[in-house]
C-alpha atoms as a PDB file:
ATOM      1  CA  MET A   1     -61.677 121.218 187.081  1.00  0.00           C
ATOM      2  CA  ASN A   2     -60.465 120.784 183.536  1.00  0.00           C
ATOM      3  CA  HIS A   3     -62.264 118.409 181.240  1.00  0.00           C
ATOM      4  CA  ALA A   4     -60.565 116.774 178.247  1.00  0.00           C
ATOM      5  CA  THR A   5     -62.258 117.695 175.047  1.00  0.00           C
ATOM      6  CA  THR A   6     -62.349 115.675 171.885  1.00  0.00           C
ATOM      7  CA  PRO A   7     -61.383 117.651 168.805  1.00  0.00           C
ATOM      8  CA  PRO A   8     -64.179 117.940 166.282  1.00  0.00           C
ATOM      9  CA  HIS A   9     -64.129 115.479 163.427  1.00  0.00           C
ATOM     10  CA  ARG A  10     -62.901 116.958 160.171  1.00  0.00           C
ATOM     11  CA  PRO A  11     -64.235 115.161 157.103  1.00  0.00           C
ATOM     12  CA  ASP A  12     -61.172 116.151 155.108  1.00  0.00           C
ATOM     13  CA  ALA A  13     -58.684 114.963 157.757  1.00  0.00           C
ATOM     14  CA  PRO A  14     -56.228 112.391 156.423  1.00  0.00           C
ATOM     15  CA  HIS A  15     -56.785 108.830 157.562  1.00  0.00           C
ATOM     16  CA  ALA A  16     -54.101 106.606 158.974  1.00  0.00           C
ATOM     17  CA  PRO A  17     -52.753 104.062 156.507  1.00  0.00           C
ATOM     18  CA  HIS A  18     -55.056 101.072 156.304  1.00  0.00           C
ATOM     19  CA  ALA A  19     -53.359  97.837 157.311  1.00  0.00           C
ATOM     20  CA  PRO A  20     -54.355  94.772 155.298  1.00  0.00           C
ATOM     21  CA  ASP A  21     -56.996  92.667 156.967  1.00  0.00           C
ATOM     22  CA  PRO A  22     -55.281  89.655 158.569  1.00  0.00           C
ATOM     23  CA  ARG A  23     -58.096  87.479 157.278  1.00  0.00           C
ATOM     24  CA  HIS A  24     -57.024  88.196 153.711  1.00  0.00           C
ATOM     25  CA  ARG A  25     -53.440  87.201 154.489  1.00  0.00           C
ATOM     26  CA  ALA A  26     -54.670  83.966 156.052  1.00  0.00           C
ATOM     27  CA  GLU A  27     -56.416  83.147 152.793  1.00  0.00           C
ATOM     28  CA  ALA A  28     -53.180  83.414 150.807  1.00  0.00           C
ATOM     29  CA  PRO A  29     -52.464  80.179 148.946  1.00  0.00           C
ATOM     30  CA  HIS A  30     -49.987  77.749 150.375  1.00  0.00           C
ATOM     31  CA  GLY A  31     -47.347  76.227 148.144  1.00  0.00           C
ATOM     32  CA  PRO A  32     -47.397  72.560 147.146  1.00  0.00           C
ATOM     33  CA  GLY A  33     -45.991  70.097 149.644  1.00  0.00           C
ATOM     34  CA  VAL A  34     -43.642  67.158 149.336  1.00  0.00           C
ATOM     35  CA  PRO A  35     -46.367  64.826 147.930  1.00  0.00           C
ATOM     36  CA  VAL A  36     -46.547  67.070 144.841  1.00  0.00           C
ATOM     37  CA  LEU A  37     -42.781  66.725 144.374  1.00  0.00           C
ATOM     38  CA  VAL A  38     -42.921  62.956 144.805  1.00  0.00           C
ATOM     39  CA  LEU A  39     -45.839  62.566 142.392  1.00  0.00           C
ATOM     40  CA  GLY A  40     -44.149  64.783 139.802  1.00  0.00           C
ATOM     41  CA  LEU A  41     -40.924  62.775 139.969  1.00  0.00           C
ATOM     42  CA  LEU A  42     -42.805  59.479 139.764  1.00  0.00           C
ATOM     43  CA  LEU A  43     -44.742  60.574 136.678  1.00  0.00           C
ATOM     44  CA  LEU A  44     -41.651  61.902 134.926  1.00  0.00           C
ATOM     45  CA  GLY A  45     -39.774  58.759 135.849  1.00  0.00           C
ATOM     46  CA  ALA A  46     -42.545  56.579 134.439  1.00  0.00           C
ATOM     47  CA  ALA A  47     -42.489  58.519 131.158  1.00  0.00           C
ATOM     48  CA  ALA A  48     -38.683  58.292 130.935  1.00  0.00           C
ATOM     49  CA  LEU A  49     -38.693  54.562 131.724  1.00  0.00           C
ATOM     50  CA  SER A  50     -41.372  53.943 129.099  1.00  0.00           C
ATOM     51  CA  ALA A  51     -39.259  55.844 126.571  1.00  0.00           C
ATOM     52  CA  LEU A  52     -36.251  53.648 127.277  1.00  0.00           C
ATOM     53  CA  VAL A  53     -38.357  50.494 126.976  1.00  0.00           C
ATOM     54  CA  VAL A  54     -39.833  51.573 123.631  1.00  0.00           C
ATOM     55  CA  ARG A  55     -36.470  52.723 122.311  1.00  0.00           C
ATOM     56  CA  SER A  56     -34.931  49.327 123.059  1.00  0.00           C
ATOM     57  CA  GLU A  57     -37.411  47.695 120.659  1.00  0.00           C
ATOM     58  CA  ILE A  58     -39.094  50.301 118.488  1.00  0.00           C
ATOM     59  CA  THR A  59     -41.383  48.040 116.481  1.00  0.00           C
ATOM     60  CA  ASP A  60     -42.257  45.526 119.207  1.00  0.00           C
ATOM     61  CA  PRO A  61     -42.062  46.887 122.783  1.00  0.00           C
ATOM     62  CA  PRO A  62     -43.366  44.628 125.597  1.00  0.00           C
ATOM     63  CA  PHE A  63     -46.783  46.322 125.598  1.00  0.00           C
ATOM     64  CA  GLN A  64     -47.288  46.266 121.813  1.00  0.00           C
ATOM     65  CA  ARG A  65     -49.914  43.522 122.083  1.00  0.00           C
ATOM     66  CA  LEU A  66     -52.021  45.735 124.354  1.00  0.00           C
ATOM     67  CA  ASP A  67     -51.519  48.661 121.978  1.00  0.00           C
ATOM     68  CA  ASP A  68     -52.657  46.528 119.035  1.00  0.00           C
ATOM     69  CA  ARG A  69     -55.740  45.278 120.849  1.00  0.00           C
ATOM     70  CA  TRP A  70     -56.734  48.799 121.910  1.00  0.00           C
ATOM     71  CA  LEU A  71     -56.275  50.090 118.367  1.00  0.00           C
ATOM     72  CA  THR A  72     -58.591  47.328 117.145  1.00  0.00           C
ATOM     73  CA  TRP A  73     -61.256  48.504 119.592  1.00  0.00           C
ATOM     74  CA  MET A  74     -60.823  52.009 118.156  1.00  0.00           C
ATOM     75  CA  GLY A  75     -61.600  50.734 114.668  1.00  0.00           C
ATOM     76  CA  GLY A  76     -64.711  52.812 114.056  1.00  0.00           C
ATOM     77  CA  PRO A  77     -67.024  53.776 112.519  1.00  0.00           C
ATOM     78  CA  HIS A  78     -65.399  57.195 112.704  1.00  0.00           C
ATOM     79  CA  GLU A  79     -68.444  59.430 112.418  1.00  0.00           C
ATOM     80  CA  GLY A  80     -71.194  61.036 114.449  1.00  0.00           C
ATOM     81  CA  PRO A  81     -70.730  62.793 117.819  1.00  0.00           C
ATOM     82  CA  TYR A  82     -67.506  60.905 118.512  1.00  0.00           C
ATOM     83  CA  ALA A  83     -65.979  62.426 115.404  1.00  0.00           C
ATOM     84  CA  VAL A  84     -67.035  65.913 116.512  1.00  0.00           C
ATOM     85  CA  LEU A  85     -65.514  65.428 119.973  1.00  0.00           C
ATOM     86  CA  ALA A  86     -62.292  63.980 118.577  1.00  0.00           C
ATOM     87  CA  ALA A  87     -61.993  66.859 116.088  1.00  0.00           C
ATOM     88  CA  ALA A  88     -62.462  69.420 118.868  1.00  0.00           C
ATOM     89  CA  LEU A  89     -59.804  67.759 121.017  1.00  0.00           C
ATOM     90  CA  ASN A  90     -57.480  67.527 118.025  1.00  0.00           C
ATOM     91  CA  TRP A  91     -57.908  71.294 117.539  1.00  0.00           C
ATOM     92  CA  PHE A  92     -57.208  71.946 121.218  1.00  0.00           C
ATOM     93  CA  GLY A  93     -53.865  70.162 121.088  1.00  0.00           C
ATOM     94  CA  GLY A  94     -52.826  71.622 117.730  1.00  0.00           C
ATOM     95  CA  PRO A  95     -51.247  74.971 116.841  1.00  0.00           C
ATOM     96  CA  LEU A  96     -54.582  76.804 117.041  1.00  0.00           C
ATOM     97  CA  GLY A  97     -55.000  75.466 120.565  1.00  0.00           C
ATOM     98  CA  ALA A  98     -52.243  77.857 121.644  1.00  0.00           C
ATOM     99  CA  ILE A  99     -55.058  80.416 121.954  1.00  0.00           C
ATOM    100  CA  VAL A 100     -55.924  78.852 125.324  1.00  0.00           C
ATOM    101  CA  PRO A 101     -52.547  79.326 127.078  1.00  0.00           C
ATOM    102  CA  VAL A 102     -52.169  82.763 125.465  1.00  0.00           C
ATOM    103  CA  ALA A 103     -55.569  83.788 126.875  1.00  0.00           C
ATOM    104  CA  LEU A 104     -54.521  82.524 130.308  1.00  0.00           C
ATOM    105  CA  LEU A 105     -51.281  84.485 130.012  1.00  0.00           C
ATOM    106  CA  VAL A 106     -53.156  87.706 129.200  1.00  0.00           C
ATOM    107  CA  LEU A 107     -55.556  87.093 132.109  1.00  0.00           C
ATOM    108  CA  LEU A 108     -52.682  86.766 134.574  1.00  0.00           C
ATOM    109  CA  LEU A 109     -50.983  89.901 133.257  1.00  0.00           C
ATOM    110  CA  VAL A 110     -54.226  91.897 133.496  1.00  0.00           C
ATOM    111  CA  ARG A 111     -54.522  90.796 137.117  1.00  0.00           C
ATOM    112  CA  GLY A 112     -50.992  92.014 137.777  1.00  0.00           C
ATOM    113  CA  ARG A 113     -49.630  88.523 138.406  1.00  0.00           C
ATOM    114  CA  ARG A 114     -46.351  88.787 136.533  1.00  0.00           C
ATOM    115  CA  VAL A 115     -44.639  85.947 138.356  1.00  0.00           C
ATOM    116  CA  SER A 116     -47.504  83.576 137.563  1.00  0.00           C
ATOM    117  CA  ALA A 117     -47.534  84.733 133.930  1.00  0.00           C
ATOM    118  CA  ALA A 118     -43.799  84.076 133.593  1.00  0.00           C
ATOM    119  CA  PHE A 119     -44.238  80.691 135.263  1.00  0.00           C
ATOM    120  CA  LEU A 120     -47.060  79.742 132.875  1.00  0.00           C
ATOM    121  CA  PHE A 121     -45.098  80.791 129.794  1.00  0.00           C
ATOM    122  CA  LEU A 122     -41.813  79.128 130.731  1.00  0.00           C
ATOM    123  CA  VAL A 123     -43.322  75.858 131.951  1.00  0.00           C
ATOM    124  CA  TYR A 124     -45.728  75.527 129.026  1.00  0.00           C
ATOM    125  CA  VAL A 125     -43.038  76.186 126.433  1.00  0.00           C
ATOM    126  CA  GLY A 126     -40.385  74.190 128.298  1.00  0.00           C
ATOM    127  CA  GLY A 127     -42.696  71.242 128.881  1.00  0.00           C
ATOM    128  CA  ASN A 128     -43.539  71.015 125.193  1.00  0.00           C
ATOM    129  CA  MET A 129     -40.160  71.847 123.672  1.00  0.00           C
ATOM    130  CA  VAL A 130     -37.851  70.118 126.144  1.00  0.00           C
ATOM    131  CA  VAL A 131     -39.812  67.222 127.625  1.00  0.00           C
ATOM    132  CA  VAL A 132     -42.192  66.191 124.826  1.00  0.00           C
ATOM    133  CA  GLN A 133     -40.019  66.979 121.818  1.00  0.00           C
ATOM    134  CA  GLY A 134     -36.957  65.621 123.615  1.00  0.00           C
ATOM    135  CA  LEU A 135     -38.668  62.267 124.135  1.00  0.00           C
ATOM    136  CA  LYS A 136     -39.981  62.250 120.558  1.00  0.00           C
ATOM    137  CA  HIS A 137     -36.479  62.672 119.120  1.00  0.00           C
ATOM    138  CA  LEU A 138     -35.043  60.134 121.561  1.00  0.00           C
ATOM    139  CA  VAL A 139     -37.561  57.391 120.742  1.00  0.00           C
ATOM    140  CA  ASP A 140     -38.889  58.193 117.226  1.00  0.00           C
ATOM    141  CA  ARG A 141     -41.518  55.440 117.350  1.00  0.00           C
ATOM    142  CA  PRO A 142     -43.551  54.768 114.188  1.00  0.00           C
ATOM    143  CA  ARG A 143     -47.203  55.773 114.366  1.00  0.00           C
ATOM    144  CA  PRO A 144     -50.161  53.471 113.731  1.00  0.00           C
ATOM    145  CA  ALA A 145     -51.024  52.976 110.080  1.00  0.00           C
ATOM    146  CA  ASN A 146     -53.404  55.402 108.359  1.00  0.00           C
ATOM    147  CA  PRO A 147     -53.918  58.149 110.973  1.00  0.00           C
ATOM    148  CA  LEU A 148     -57.101  60.158 110.386  1.00  0.00           C
ATOM    149  CA  VAL A 149     -55.458  63.539 111.075  1.00  0.00           C
ATOM    150  CA  ARG A 150     -52.248  65.254 110.066  1.00  0.00           C
ATOM    151  CA  VAL A 151     -49.363  64.184 112.281  1.00  0.00           C
ATOM    152  CA  ASP A 152     -45.663  64.919 112.629  1.00  0.00           C
ATOM    153  CA  HIS A 153     -42.799  62.518 113.219  1.00  0.00           C
ATOM    154  CA  GLY A 154     -42.586  60.291 116.257  1.00  0.00           C
ATOM    155  CA  SER A 155     -45.558  58.625 117.897  1.00  0.00           C
ATOM    156  CA  PHE A 156     -44.064  58.507 121.405  1.00  0.00           C
ATOM    157  CA  PRO A 157     -45.166  60.360 123.495  1.00  0.00           C
ATOM    158  CA  SER A 158     -48.461  62.004 122.582  1.00  0.00           C
ATOM    159  CA  GLY A 159     -47.991  65.765 122.509  1.00  0.00           C
ATOM    160  CA  HIS A 160     -51.745  66.325 122.724  1.00  0.00           C
ATOM    161  CA  ALA A 161     -52.045  64.239 125.901  1.00  0.00           C
ATOM    162  CA  ALA A 162     -48.983  65.918 127.390  1.00  0.00           C
ATOM    163  CA  THR A 163     -50.326  69.415 126.656  1.00  0.00           C
ATOM    164  CA  ALA A 164     -53.725  68.561 128.148  1.00  0.00           C
ATOM    165  CA  ALA A 165     -52.225  67.214 131.381  1.00  0.00           C
ATOM    166  CA  LEU A 166     -49.747  70.091 131.629  1.00  0.00           C
ATOM    167  CA  LEU A 167     -52.470  72.731 131.257  1.00  0.00           C
ATOM    168  CA  VAL A 168     -54.617  70.993 133.861  1.00  0.00           C
ATOM    169  CA  VAL A 169     -51.763  71.259 136.363  1.00  0.00           C
ATOM    170  CA  LEU A 170     -50.911  74.869 135.464  1.00  0.00           C
ATOM    171  CA  VAL A 171     -54.494  76.105 135.714  1.00  0.00           C
ATOM    172  CA  GLY A 172     -55.007  74.219 138.964  1.00  0.00           C
ATOM    173  CA  ALA A 173     -51.839  75.697 140.450  1.00  0.00           C
ATOM    174  CA  LEU A 174     -52.366  79.296 139.312  1.00  0.00           C
ATOM    175  CA  LEU A 175     -56.096  79.968 138.984  1.00  0.00           C
ATOM    176  CA  VAL A 176     -58.075  77.449 141.038  1.00  0.00           C
ATOM    177  CA  PRO A 177     -58.524  78.166 144.790  1.00  0.00           C
ATOM    178  CA  ALA A 178     -57.071  75.486 147.046  1.00  0.00           C
ATOM    179  CA  ALA A 179     -60.528  74.623 148.399  1.00  0.00           C
ATOM    180  CA  ARG A 180     -61.755  73.733 144.907  1.00  0.00           C
ATOM    181  CA  ARG A 181     -58.709  71.933 143.588  1.00  0.00           C
ATOM    182  CA  ARG A 182     -59.985  68.427 144.334  1.00  0.00           C
ATOM    183  CA  ALA A 183     -62.928  68.948 141.993  1.00  0.00           C
ATOM    184  CA  TRP A 184     -60.593  70.526 139.446  1.00  0.00           C
ATOM    185  CA  TRP A 185     -58.193  67.557 139.535  1.00  0.00           C
ATOM    186  CA  LEU A 186     -61.088  65.168 138.939  1.00  0.00           C
ATOM    187  CA  ALA A 187     -62.403  67.214 136.015  1.00  0.00           C
ATOM    188  CA  GLY A 188     -58.888  67.630 134.638  1.00  0.00           C
ATOM    189  CA  THR A 189     -58.254  63.893 134.824  1.00  0.00           C
ATOM    190  CA  ALA A 190     -61.458  63.239 132.885  1.00  0.00           C
ATOM    191  CA  PHE A 191     -60.403  65.800 130.278  1.00  0.00           C
ATOM    192  CA  THR A 192     -56.949  64.236 129.907  1.00  0.00           C
ATOM    193  CA  LEU A 193     -58.438  60.748 129.557  1.00  0.00           C
ATOM    194  CA  ALA A 194     -60.764  62.074 126.854  1.00  0.00           C
ATOM    195  CA  MET A 195     -57.751  63.499 125.038  1.00  0.00           C
ATOM    196  CA  MET A 196     -55.961  60.146 125.304  1.00  0.00           C
ATOM    197  CA  TRP A 197     -59.003  58.388 123.876  1.00  0.00           C
ATOM    198  CA  SER A 198     -59.290  60.837 120.978  1.00  0.00           C
ATOM    199  CA  ARG A 199     -55.668  60.328 119.909  1.00  0.00           C
ATOM    200  CA  THR A 200     -56.103  56.569 119.723  1.00  0.00           C
ATOM    201  CA  TRP A 201     -59.575  56.825 118.150  1.00  0.00           C
ATOM    202  CA  LEU A 202     -58.011  58.947 115.387  1.00  0.00           C
ATOM    203  CA  HIS A 203     -55.231  56.342 115.001  1.00  0.00           C
ATOM    204  CA  ALA A 204     -52.680  59.084 115.624  1.00  0.00           C
ATOM    205  CA  HIS A 205     -51.065  57.319 118.594  1.00  0.00           C
ATOM    206  CA  TRP A 206     -50.723  54.017 120.361  1.00  0.00           C
ATOM    207  CA  LEU A 207     -52.355  53.777 123.779  1.00  0.00           C
ATOM    208  CA  SER A 208     -48.952  53.668 125.506  1.00  0.00           C
ATOM    209  CA  ASP A 209     -47.973  56.896 123.711  1.00  0.00           C
ATOM    210  CA  THR A 210     -50.900  58.731 125.267  1.00  0.00           C
ATOM    211  CA  ALA A 211     -50.239  57.340 128.760  1.00  0.00           C
ATOM    212  CA  ALA A 212     -46.601  58.410 128.584  1.00  0.00           C
ATOM    213  CA  GLY A 213     -47.571  61.840 127.240  1.00  0.00           C
ATOM    214  CA  ALA A 214     -50.047  62.458 130.059  1.00  0.00           C
ATOM    215  CA  ALA A 215     -47.468  61.335 132.629  1.00  0.00           C
ATOM    216  CA  ALA A 216     -44.762  63.551 131.130  1.00  0.00           C
ATOM    217  CA  GLY A 217     -46.989  66.642 130.965  1.00  0.00           C
ATOM    218  CA  ALA A 218     -48.434  66.282 134.454  1.00  0.00           C
ATOM    219  CA  GLY A 219     -45.053  65.372 135.928  1.00  0.00           C
ATOM    220  CA  ALA A 220     -43.314  68.375 134.387  1.00  0.00           C
ATOM    221  CA  GLY A 221     -46.045  70.712 135.622  1.00  0.00           C
ATOM    222  CA  LEU A 222     -46.043  69.340 139.168  1.00  0.00           C
ATOM    223  CA  LEU A 223     -42.252  69.436 139.450  1.00  0.00           C
ATOM    224  CA  ALA A 224     -42.092  73.032 138.164  1.00  0.00           C
ATOM    225  CA  TRP A 225     -44.866  74.054 140.564  1.00  0.00           C
ATOM    226  CA  TRP A 226     -42.947  72.641 143.506  1.00  0.00           C
ATOM    227  CA  LEU A 227     -39.654  74.242 142.435  1.00  0.00           C
ATOM    228  CA  CYS A 228     -41.283  77.682 142.055  1.00  0.00           C
ATOM    229  CA  ARG A 229     -43.518  77.397 145.127  1.00  0.00           C
ATOM    230  CA  ALA A 230     -41.773  80.157 147.100  1.00  0.00           C
ATOM    231  CA  ALA A 231     -42.031  82.818 144.390  1.00  0.00           C
ATOM    232  CA  LEU A 232     -45.647  81.911 143.624  1.00  0.00           C
ATOM    233  CA  ALA A 233     -46.569  81.967 147.326  1.00  0.00           C
ATOM    234  CA  ARG A 234     -44.999  85.417 147.805  1.00  0.00           C
ATOM    235  CA  GLU A 235     -46.956  86.744 144.862  1.00  0.00           C
ATOM    236  CA  GLY A 236     -50.116  85.159 146.267  1.00  0.00           C
ATOM    237  CA  VAL A 237     -49.641  87.008 149.546  1.00  0.00           C
ATOM    238  CA  ARG A 238     -49.165  90.318 147.722  1.00  0.00           C
ATOM    239  CA  VAL A 239     -52.312  89.734 145.665  1.00  0.00           C
ATOM    240  CA  HIS A 240     -54.372  88.976 148.781  1.00  0.00           C
ATOM    241  CA  ASP A 241     -52.980  92.027 150.555  1.00  0.00           C
ATOM    242  CA  ARG A 242     -53.968  94.235 147.628  1.00  0.00           C
ATOM    243  CA  ARG A 243     -57.472  92.780 147.687  1.00  0.00           C
ATOM    244  CA  GLY A 244     -57.665  93.396 151.428  1.00  0.00           C
ATOM    245  CA  ALA A 245     -56.598  97.014 150.990  1.00  0.00           C
ATOM    246  CA  ALA A 246     -59.121  97.493 148.176  1.00  0.00           C
ATOM    247  CA  ALA A 247     -61.880  95.978 150.316  1.00  0.00           C
ATOM    248  CA  GLY A 248     -60.995  98.357 153.150  1.00  0.00           C
ATOM    249  CA  ALA A 249     -61.155 101.462 150.968  1.00  0.00           C
ATOM    250  CA  PRO A 250     -64.989 101.527 150.704  1.00  0.00           C
ATOM    251  CA  GLU A 251     -65.213 101.003 154.475  1.00  0.00           C
ATOM    252  CA  ARG A 252     -63.042 104.083 155.122  1.00  0.00           C
ATOM    253  CA  ALA A 253     -65.046 106.133 152.620  1.00  0.00           C
ATOM    254  CA  ALA A 254     -68.270 105.252 154.459  1.00  0.00           C
ATOM    255  CA  VAL A 255     -66.968 106.458 157.839  1.00  0.00           C
END
């Protein structure tokens, strides 16, 4: 009677290609849903409507009384820890603050996430150049008297507030795991509110300028995220598959 024999194991025998672990594919990020689209459109619409309202009466829009009262509350004294915080936030939203998005861009490229890097670059530049600067040139609202920092033309909307809100959305979409995004949104909202406060405390903007800037930045980021959801999701799947293959390599070596 013949018995089947098992060929001896050869350590140098080639292994079959390792299929990605299905668990890694299941962890791939899902794209934003319809609520993200709706919220983005609502925020952009609110910023655009505010711009039209201000433009209709540059020196005395309907909410000027609230702006004046808030500016009075921000009267000072402008010293101590508040001054340090406001100066740091002013730096973050200025030209030197571009170090932050550039560092994020390099991080994405090092990780091999070219689609995400292109998304970050185009949305950040487009949000600032098209949305914020477009609204500034459309409205051209005078700034409060005697700002404490160097400012450019046009008080409406706040570019610092817009940049802060836009970066919060971009980082949340590209670098924060879905399970931790709720905490990130809360922290990002607090950061954006701090930026809004700093711009009014420095007398660089009216309160309504900062609200419109935050709405424009967040709205632009959310809308772009939704529009590019398919490409970002495909890249997310590829990244998770690569991680699954890399995790399987040590297991095969140990066999």
